[in-house]
């Protein structure tokens, strides 16, 4: 019999999946702490092309309860590996236009090198593990879904 240990969620960490536009200022504020020597924020945005093909929008869908658990697991792994003070992971759902922020990962940490490493780990792990899907909407009106597994095969996700 396998017994899983419940995740210990740090009270100052923040996780969200929302239709509301994401705020860089809010993510920074949530990651800030007097013990920090660095706050690193990664902002993922909707770009205007994928592999040279014009994109006009992205539509994100998520299985929210499971995605939030994945975010908490990522934060727990970050806390075990790096001496961070705060972890912020927020993701949008719904239809987003070019230039809109789709995901924010912010890490507060006493040292910059650990903050950068933890932030990169956070976004990379989220893209490979969270049950969040995106539909690319092309300029010609066609669409295509990008699955989580596709990110494991190419670096452009």
N, C-alpha and C. Protein backbone atom coordinates (compact mmCIF):
# COMPACT_ATOMS: atom_id res chain seq x y z
N UNK A 1 0.84 -1.18 0.00
CA UNK A 1 0.00 0.00 0.00
C UNK A 1 0.89 1.25 0.00
N UNK A 2 0.60 2.18 -0.90
CA UNK A 2 1.33 3.43 -0.98
C UNK A 2 0.55 4.49 -0.22
N UNK A 3 1.23 5.16 0.69
CA UNK A 3 0.61 6.23 1.45
C UNK A 3 1.23 7.54 0.97
N UNK A 4 0.41 8.43 0.49
CA UNK A 4 0.95 9.71 0.03
C UNK A 4 0.97 10.71 1.18
N UNK A 5 1.99 11.50 1.20
CA UNK A 5 2.12 12.53 2.21
C UNK A 5 1.40 13.78 1.70
N UNK A 6 0.54 14.36 2.52
CA UNK A 6 -0.15 15.56 2.05
C UNK A 6 0.85 16.70 1.83
N UNK A 7 0.56 17.52 0.82
CA UNK A 7 1.43 18.66 0.54
C UNK A 7 1.30 19.69 1.64
N UNK A 8 2.43 20.21 2.07
CA UNK A 8 2.41 21.32 3.02
C UNK A 8 2.47 22.61 2.20
N UNK A 9 1.39 23.33 2.21
CA UNK A 9 1.28 24.55 1.43
C UNK A 9 1.71 25.72 2.30
N UNK A 10 2.67 26.47 1.80
CA UNK A 10 3.14 27.64 2.54
C UNK A 10 2.06 28.72 2.48
N UNK A 11 1.73 29.33 3.59
CA UNK A 11 0.62 30.30 3.60
C UNK A 11 0.85 31.55 2.75
N UNK A 12 2.10 31.87 2.45
CA UNK A 12 2.34 33.08 1.66
C UNK A 12 2.45 32.81 0.16
N UNK A 13 2.33 31.54 -0.26
CA UNK A 13 2.33 31.22 -1.68
C UNK A 13 0.96 31.56 -2.28
N UNK A 14 0.92 31.76 -3.59
CA UNK A 14 -0.33 32.14 -4.24
C UNK A 14 -0.49 31.36 -5.54
N UNK A 15 -1.66 30.75 -5.72
CA UNK A 15 -1.96 29.97 -6.91
C UNK A 15 -3.33 30.39 -7.44
N UNK A 16 -3.43 30.55 -8.77
CA UNK A 16 -4.72 30.96 -9.33
C UNK A 16 -4.84 30.53 -10.77
N UNK A 17 -6.08 30.22 -11.14
CA UNK A 17 -6.49 30.03 -12.53
C UNK A 17 -7.70 30.93 -12.69
N UNK A 18 -7.64 31.83 -13.66
CA UNK A 18 -8.66 32.87 -13.72
C UNK A 18 -8.92 33.33 -15.15
N UNK A 19 -10.15 33.82 -15.37
CA UNK A 19 -10.50 34.48 -16.63
C UNK A 19 -10.04 35.94 -16.63
N UNK A 20 -9.78 36.47 -15.45
CA UNK A 20 -9.42 37.88 -15.27
C UNK A 20 -7.98 38.11 -15.74
N UNK A 21 -7.71 39.23 -16.41
CA UNK A 21 -6.33 39.51 -16.82
C UNK A 21 -5.36 39.46 -15.65
N UNK A 22 -4.17 38.93 -15.92
CA UNK A 22 -3.14 38.80 -14.88
C UNK A 22 -2.37 40.10 -14.73
N UNK A 23 -1.87 40.34 -13.53
CA UNK A 23 -1.17 41.58 -13.22
C UNK A 23 0.27 41.30 -12.80
N UNK A 24 1.20 41.87 -13.57
CA UNK A 24 2.62 41.77 -13.17
C UNK A 24 2.84 42.38 -11.79
N UNK A 25 2.22 43.53 -11.55
CA UNK A 25 2.39 44.21 -10.27
C UNK A 25 1.90 43.36 -9.11
N UNK A 26 0.75 42.72 -9.29
CA UNK A 26 0.21 41.87 -8.23
C UNK A 26 1.12 40.67 -7.98
N UNK A 27 1.59 40.03 -9.04
CA UNK A 27 2.48 38.87 -8.87
C UNK A 27 3.76 39.28 -8.14
N UNK A 28 4.33 40.42 -8.54
CA UNK A 28 5.53 40.90 -7.87
C UNK A 28 5.25 41.15 -6.39
N UNK A 29 4.15 41.84 -6.11
CA UNK A 29 3.78 42.14 -4.72
C UNK A 29 3.61 40.86 -3.90
N UNK A 30 2.96 39.86 -4.48
CA UNK A 30 2.73 38.60 -3.77
C UNK A 30 4.03 37.84 -3.52
N UNK A 31 5.04 38.03 -4.38
CA UNK A 31 6.33 37.34 -4.22
C UNK A 31 7.29 38.11 -3.33
N UNK A 32 7.00 39.38 -3.10
CA UNK A 32 7.90 40.23 -2.33
C UNK A 32 7.87 39.87 -0.85
N UNK A 33 9.02 40.01 -0.21
CA UNK A 33 9.17 39.68 1.20
C UNK A 33 10.43 40.39 1.70
N UNK A 34 10.46 40.85 2.95
CA UNK A 34 11.65 41.53 3.46
C UNK A 34 12.92 40.66 3.44
N UNK A 35 12.76 39.35 3.41
CA UNK A 35 13.92 38.45 3.38
C UNK A 35 14.49 38.26 1.98
N UNK A 36 13.81 38.80 0.98
CA UNK A 36 14.24 38.61 -0.41
C UNK A 36 15.45 39.48 -0.74
N UNK A 37 16.34 38.88 -1.53
CA UNK A 37 17.37 39.64 -2.21
C UNK A 37 17.03 39.73 -3.68
N UNK A 38 16.01 38.97 -4.11
CA UNK A 38 15.60 38.95 -5.51
C UNK A 38 14.14 38.51 -5.62
N UNK A 39 13.47 39.08 -6.61
CA UNK A 39 12.18 38.59 -7.06
C UNK A 39 12.32 38.42 -8.56
N UNK A 40 12.08 37.21 -9.04
CA UNK A 40 12.12 36.93 -10.47
C UNK A 40 10.70 36.62 -10.92
N UNK A 41 10.26 37.30 -11.98
CA UNK A 41 8.93 37.11 -12.52
C UNK A 41 9.05 36.68 -13.98
N UNK A 42 8.40 35.58 -14.33
CA UNK A 42 8.34 35.13 -15.72
C UNK A 42 6.91 35.38 -16.19
N UNK A 43 6.80 36.14 -17.27
CA UNK A 43 5.51 36.48 -17.83
C UNK A 43 5.40 35.83 -19.21
N UNK A 44 4.50 34.86 -19.34
CA UNK A 44 4.24 34.24 -20.63
C UNK A 44 3.15 35.01 -21.34
N UNK A 45 3.37 35.32 -22.61
CA UNK A 45 2.43 36.15 -23.36
C UNK A 45 1.99 35.46 -24.64
N UNK A 46 0.87 35.89 -25.16
CA UNK A 46 0.39 35.41 -26.46
C UNK A 46 1.20 36.12 -27.54
N UNK A 47 1.91 35.34 -28.34
CA UNK A 47 2.69 35.93 -29.42
C UNK A 47 1.91 35.88 -30.74
N UNK A 48 2.39 36.61 -31.72
CA UNK A 48 1.64 36.77 -32.97
C UNK A 48 1.93 35.70 -34.02
N UNK A 49 2.73 34.70 -33.67
CA UNK A 49 3.02 33.63 -34.63
C UNK A 49 3.53 32.40 -33.89
N UNK A 50 3.36 31.27 -34.54
CA UNK A 50 3.96 30.01 -34.09
C UNK A 50 4.58 29.36 -35.31
N UNK A 51 5.89 29.15 -35.23
CA UNK A 51 6.63 28.55 -36.34
C UNK A 51 6.34 29.28 -37.66
N UNK A 52 6.26 30.61 -37.59
CA UNK A 52 6.06 31.42 -38.79
C UNK A 52 4.62 31.56 -39.26
N UNK A 53 3.70 30.87 -38.61
CA UNK A 53 2.29 30.95 -39.00
C UNK A 53 1.59 31.98 -38.11
N UNK A 54 0.88 32.96 -38.73
CA UNK A 54 0.27 34.05 -37.96
C UNK A 54 -0.83 33.56 -37.00
N UNK A 55 -0.70 33.98 -35.73
CA UNK A 55 -1.67 33.66 -34.68
C UNK A 55 -2.38 34.96 -34.31
N UNK A 56 -3.71 34.91 -34.17
CA UNK A 56 -4.46 36.10 -33.76
C UNK A 56 -4.92 36.02 -32.30
N UNK A 57 -5.00 34.80 -31.75
CA UNK A 57 -5.44 34.62 -30.37
C UNK A 57 -5.11 33.20 -29.91
N UNK A 58 -5.16 33.01 -28.60
CA UNK A 58 -5.08 31.69 -28.00
C UNK A 58 -6.28 31.52 -27.08
N UNK A 59 -6.76 30.31 -26.99
CA UNK A 59 -7.82 30.00 -26.04
C UNK A 59 -7.31 28.93 -25.09
N UNK A 60 -7.36 29.22 -23.79
CA UNK A 60 -6.88 28.28 -22.78
C UNK A 60 -8.04 27.66 -22.04
N UNK A 61 -7.94 26.36 -21.80
CA UNK A 61 -8.87 25.64 -20.94
C UNK A 61 -8.05 24.88 -19.92
N UNK A 62 -8.63 24.68 -18.74
CA UNK A 62 -7.92 23.99 -17.67
C UNK A 62 -8.89 23.13 -16.88
N UNK A 63 -8.36 22.04 -16.35
CA UNK A 63 -9.08 21.28 -15.34
C UNK A 63 -8.60 21.87 -14.02
N UNK A 64 -9.34 22.90 -13.55
CA UNK A 64 -8.87 23.76 -12.47
C UNK A 64 -8.48 23.03 -11.18
N UNK A 65 -9.31 22.14 -10.63
CA UNK A 65 -8.90 21.51 -9.36
C UNK A 65 -7.57 20.77 -9.47
N UNK A 66 -7.38 20.04 -10.55
CA UNK A 66 -6.14 19.30 -10.72
C UNK A 66 -4.98 20.25 -11.02
N UNK A 67 -5.21 21.26 -11.83
CA UNK A 67 -4.14 22.22 -12.16
C UNK A 67 -3.65 22.92 -10.90
N UNK A 68 -4.55 23.32 -10.02
CA UNK A 68 -4.13 23.97 -8.78
C UNK A 68 -3.31 23.03 -7.90
N UNK A 69 -3.67 21.75 -7.90
CA UNK A 69 -2.87 20.77 -7.15
C UNK A 69 -1.47 20.63 -7.76
N UNK A 70 -1.40 20.66 -9.09
CA UNK A 70 -0.09 20.61 -9.76
C UNK A 70 0.73 21.85 -9.38
N UNK A 71 0.10 23.02 -9.36
CA UNK A 71 0.80 24.24 -8.96
C UNK A 71 1.36 24.09 -7.55
N UNK A 72 0.57 23.54 -6.64
CA UNK A 72 1.01 23.34 -5.24
C UNK A 72 2.17 22.36 -5.17
N UNK A 73 2.11 21.30 -5.99
CA UNK A 73 3.19 20.33 -6.03
C UNK A 73 4.48 20.98 -6.55
N UNK A 74 4.36 21.78 -7.58
CA UNK A 74 5.52 22.49 -8.12
C UNK A 74 6.12 23.38 -7.04
N UNK A 75 5.28 24.11 -6.32
CA UNK A 75 5.77 24.99 -5.25
C UNK A 75 6.48 24.18 -4.16
N UNK A 76 5.92 23.03 -3.81
CA UNK A 76 6.56 22.18 -2.79
C UNK A 76 7.93 21.71 -3.27
N UNK A 77 8.03 21.34 -4.54
CA UNK A 77 9.31 20.90 -5.09
C UNK A 77 10.31 22.06 -5.12
N UNK A 78 9.84 23.25 -5.47
CA UNK A 78 10.70 24.43 -5.46
C UNK A 78 11.21 24.69 -4.05
N UNK A 79 10.33 24.62 -3.08
CA UNK A 79 10.72 24.87 -1.69
C UNK A 79 11.71 23.83 -1.18
N UNK A 80 11.60 22.59 -1.63
CA UNK A 80 12.55 21.54 -1.22
C UNK A 80 13.93 21.75 -1.83
N UNK A 81 13.99 22.38 -3.00
CA UNK A 81 15.24 22.49 -3.75
C UNK A 81 15.95 23.82 -3.52
N UNK A 82 15.20 24.92 -3.45
CA UNK A 82 15.80 26.25 -3.33
C UNK A 82 15.22 26.92 -2.08
N UNK A 83 15.96 27.79 -1.46
CA UNK A 83 15.52 28.49 -0.25
C UNK A 83 14.66 29.69 -0.55
N UNK A 84 13.50 29.47 -1.16
CA UNK A 84 12.64 30.57 -1.57
C UNK A 84 11.77 31.04 -0.41
N UNK A 85 11.34 32.30 -0.50
CA UNK A 85 10.41 32.84 0.50
C UNK A 85 8.97 32.76 0.02
N UNK A 86 8.78 32.94 -1.30
CA UNK A 86 7.41 32.94 -1.84
C UNK A 86 7.38 32.34 -3.24
N UNK A 87 6.25 31.68 -3.56
CA UNK A 87 6.02 31.13 -4.89
C UNK A 87 4.64 31.60 -5.36
N UNK A 88 4.61 32.17 -6.55
CA UNK A 88 3.36 32.64 -7.14
C UNK A 88 3.22 31.97 -8.51
N UNK A 89 2.09 31.30 -8.73
CA UNK A 89 1.80 30.69 -10.04
C UNK A 89 0.36 31.04 -10.39
N UNK A 90 0.18 31.85 -11.43
CA UNK A 90 -1.15 32.26 -11.89
C UNK A 90 -1.25 31.98 -13.38
N UNK A 91 -2.41 31.47 -13.82
CA UNK A 91 -2.61 31.15 -15.24
C UNK A 91 -3.99 31.63 -15.67
N UNK A 92 -4.07 32.16 -16.87
CA UNK A 92 -5.33 32.59 -17.46
C UNK A 92 -6.03 31.43 -18.14
N UNK A 93 -7.34 31.57 -18.25
CA UNK A 93 -8.14 30.71 -19.11
C UNK A 93 -9.02 31.62 -19.97
N UNK A 94 -9.62 31.03 -20.99
CA UNK A 94 -10.45 31.81 -21.90
C UNK A 94 -9.66 32.24 -23.12
N UNK A 95 -10.27 33.13 -23.89
CA UNK A 95 -9.65 33.59 -25.14
C UNK A 95 -8.80 34.83 -24.87
N UNK A 96 -7.53 34.76 -25.26
CA UNK A 96 -6.57 35.85 -25.06
C UNK A 96 -6.07 36.34 -26.40
N UNK A 97 -5.93 37.64 -26.51
CA UNK A 97 -5.44 38.26 -27.73
C UNK A 97 -3.91 38.36 -27.69
N UNK A 98 -3.31 38.60 -28.84
CA UNK A 98 -1.87 38.79 -28.94
C UNK A 98 -1.46 39.91 -27.97
N UNK A 99 -0.39 39.64 -27.20
CA UNK A 99 0.12 40.61 -26.25
C UNK A 99 -0.39 40.42 -24.83
N UNK A 100 -1.48 39.67 -24.64
CA UNK A 100 -2.00 39.46 -23.29
C UNK A 100 -1.14 38.44 -22.55
N UNK A 101 -1.07 38.60 -21.23
CA UNK A 101 -0.32 37.70 -20.38
C UNK A 101 -1.16 36.45 -20.12
N UNK A 102 -0.57 35.28 -20.38
CA UNK A 102 -1.27 34.01 -20.17
C UNK A 102 -0.85 33.33 -18.87
N UNK A 103 0.38 33.55 -18.43
CA UNK A 103 0.87 32.87 -17.23
C UNK A 103 1.90 33.76 -16.55
N UNK A 104 1.88 33.73 -15.21
CA UNK A 104 2.89 34.41 -14.41
C UNK A 104 3.44 33.43 -13.38
N UNK A 105 4.74 33.35 -13.31
CA UNK A 105 5.42 32.62 -12.24
C UNK A 105 6.37 33.61 -11.59
N UNK A 106 6.22 33.80 -10.30
CA UNK A 106 7.08 34.74 -9.58
C UNK A 106 7.68 34.02 -8.37
N UNK A 107 8.95 34.25 -8.16
CA UNK A 107 9.67 33.62 -7.06
C UNK A 107 10.36 34.70 -6.25
N UNK A 108 10.14 34.68 -4.95
CA UNK A 108 10.88 35.53 -4.03
C UNK A 108 11.91 34.67 -3.33
N UNK A 109 13.14 35.20 -3.22
CA UNK A 109 14.23 34.38 -2.71
C UNK A 109 15.35 35.29 -2.18
N UNK A 110 16.10 34.84 -1.19
CA UNK A 110 17.22 35.65 -0.72
C UNK A 110 18.31 35.89 -1.77
N UNK A 111 18.47 34.97 -2.72
CA UNK A 111 19.56 35.06 -3.68
C UNK A 111 19.04 34.94 -5.11
N UNK A 112 19.62 35.73 -6.04
CA UNK A 112 19.13 35.79 -7.42
C UNK A 112 19.31 34.48 -8.18
N UNK A 113 20.44 33.80 -7.99
CA UNK A 113 20.65 32.59 -8.79
C UNK A 113 19.61 31.52 -8.47
N UNK A 114 19.27 31.38 -7.20
CA UNK A 114 18.23 30.42 -6.81
C UNK A 114 16.86 30.88 -7.31
N UNK A 115 16.62 32.19 -7.28
CA UNK A 115 15.33 32.71 -7.76
C UNK A 115 15.16 32.43 -9.25
N UNK A 116 16.21 32.67 -10.05
CA UNK A 116 16.13 32.38 -11.48
C UNK A 116 15.91 30.89 -11.74
N UNK A 117 16.68 30.05 -11.05
CA UNK A 117 16.56 28.60 -11.25
C UNK A 117 15.17 28.10 -10.85
N UNK A 118 14.67 28.58 -9.73
CA UNK A 118 13.35 28.15 -9.26
C UNK A 118 12.25 28.61 -10.20
N UNK A 119 12.38 29.82 -10.74
CA UNK A 119 11.37 30.34 -11.66
C UNK A 119 11.37 29.53 -12.96
N UNK A 120 12.55 29.23 -13.48
CA UNK A 120 12.60 28.43 -14.70
C UNK A 120 12.02 27.04 -14.46
N UNK A 121 12.37 26.44 -13.32
CA UNK A 121 11.80 25.12 -12.99
C UNK A 121 10.27 25.21 -12.91
N UNK A 122 9.77 26.28 -12.30
CA UNK A 122 8.33 26.43 -12.13
C UNK A 122 7.59 26.48 -13.46
N UNK A 123 8.05 27.32 -14.38
CA UNK A 123 7.34 27.44 -15.66
C UNK A 123 7.53 26.19 -16.52
N UNK A 124 8.74 25.63 -16.54
CA UNK A 124 8.97 24.43 -17.34
C UNK A 124 8.13 23.26 -16.83
N UNK A 125 8.05 23.09 -15.53
CA UNK A 125 7.29 21.98 -14.95
C UNK A 125 5.79 22.19 -15.17
N UNK A 126 5.33 23.42 -15.02
CA UNK A 126 3.92 23.73 -15.27
C UNK A 126 3.54 23.35 -16.70
N UNK A 127 4.35 23.77 -17.67
CA UNK A 127 4.02 23.52 -19.08
C UNK A 127 3.98 22.03 -19.41
N UNK A 128 4.73 21.23 -18.68
CA UNK A 128 4.77 19.79 -18.96
C UNK A 128 3.77 19.00 -18.12
N UNK A 129 3.27 19.58 -17.02
CA UNK A 129 2.51 18.78 -16.07
C UNK A 129 1.08 19.23 -15.80
N UNK A 130 0.81 20.52 -15.90
CA UNK A 130 -0.51 21.01 -15.52
C UNK A 130 -1.55 20.69 -16.60
N UNK A 131 -2.75 20.30 -16.20
CA UNK A 131 -3.81 20.02 -17.17
C UNK A 131 -4.43 21.32 -17.70
N UNK A 132 -3.63 21.98 -18.52
CA UNK A 132 -4.03 23.23 -19.17
C UNK A 132 -3.75 23.05 -20.66
N UNK A 133 -4.76 23.37 -21.47
CA UNK A 133 -4.63 23.18 -22.91
C UNK A 133 -4.83 24.51 -23.60
N UNK A 134 -4.14 24.67 -24.73
CA UNK A 134 -4.35 25.91 -25.49
C UNK A 134 -4.73 25.58 -26.92
N UNK A 135 -5.63 26.42 -27.43
CA UNK A 135 -6.04 26.33 -28.83
C UNK A 135 -5.47 27.56 -29.53
N UNK A 136 -4.69 27.32 -30.57
CA UNK A 136 -4.16 28.41 -31.36
C UNK A 136 -5.20 28.78 -32.41
N UNK A 137 -5.45 30.08 -32.54
CA UNK A 137 -6.41 30.57 -33.52
C UNK A 137 -5.60 31.33 -34.56
N UNK A 138 -5.61 30.81 -35.78
CA UNK A 138 -4.78 31.32 -36.86
C UNK A 138 -5.47 32.46 -37.59
N UNK A 139 -4.70 33.26 -38.30
CA UNK A 139 -5.24 34.43 -39.02
C UNK A 139 -6.24 34.04 -40.10
N UNK A 140 -6.16 32.80 -40.61
CA UNK A 140 -7.11 32.36 -41.64
C UNK A 140 -8.40 31.80 -41.04
N UNK A 141 -8.52 31.85 -39.70
CA UNK A 141 -9.73 31.37 -39.02
C UNK A 141 -9.66 29.93 -38.57
N UNK A 142 -8.65 29.19 -39.02
CA UNK A 142 -8.51 27.80 -38.58
C UNK A 142 -7.94 27.77 -37.15
N UNK A 143 -8.06 26.62 -36.51
CA UNK A 143 -7.58 26.45 -35.13
C UNK A 143 -6.88 25.11 -34.98
N UNK A 144 -6.06 25.03 -33.95
CA UNK A 144 -5.47 23.74 -33.59
C UNK A 144 -5.15 23.74 -32.11
N UNK A 145 -5.42 22.59 -31.47
CA UNK A 145 -5.15 22.42 -30.05
C UNK A 145 -3.71 21.96 -29.87
N UNK A 146 -3.08 22.49 -28.82
CA UNK A 146 -1.74 22.08 -28.44
C UNK A 146 -1.87 21.34 -27.12
N UNK A 147 -1.45 20.10 -27.10
CA UNK A 147 -1.59 19.30 -25.87
C UNK A 147 -0.37 19.48 -24.98
N UNK A 148 -0.51 19.08 -23.73
CA UNK A 148 0.59 19.15 -22.77
C UNK A 148 1.78 18.35 -23.28
N UNK A 149 1.52 17.15 -23.78
CA UNK A 149 2.60 16.29 -24.24
C UNK A 149 3.42 16.88 -25.37
N UNK A 150 2.81 17.78 -26.15
CA UNK A 150 3.54 18.40 -27.26
C UNK A 150 4.72 19.21 -26.74
N UNK A 151 4.59 19.74 -25.54
CA UNK A 151 5.67 20.54 -24.98
C UNK A 151 6.88 19.68 -24.62
N UNK A 152 6.68 18.41 -24.46
CA UNK A 152 7.80 17.51 -24.14
C UNK A 152 8.64 17.23 -25.37
N UNK A 153 8.09 17.46 -26.57
CA UNK A 153 8.81 17.15 -27.79
C UNK A 153 9.45 18.34 -28.46
N UNK A 154 9.07 19.56 -28.08
CA UNK A 154 9.68 20.72 -28.71
C UNK A 154 9.87 21.83 -27.69
N UNK A 155 10.86 22.64 -27.93
CA UNK A 155 11.22 23.70 -27.00
C UNK A 155 10.39 24.96 -27.16
N UNK A 156 9.58 25.07 -28.20
CA UNK A 156 8.89 26.33 -28.49
C UNK A 156 7.61 26.54 -27.68
N UNK A 157 7.23 25.62 -26.83
CA UNK A 157 5.97 25.76 -26.08
C UNK A 157 6.00 26.89 -25.08
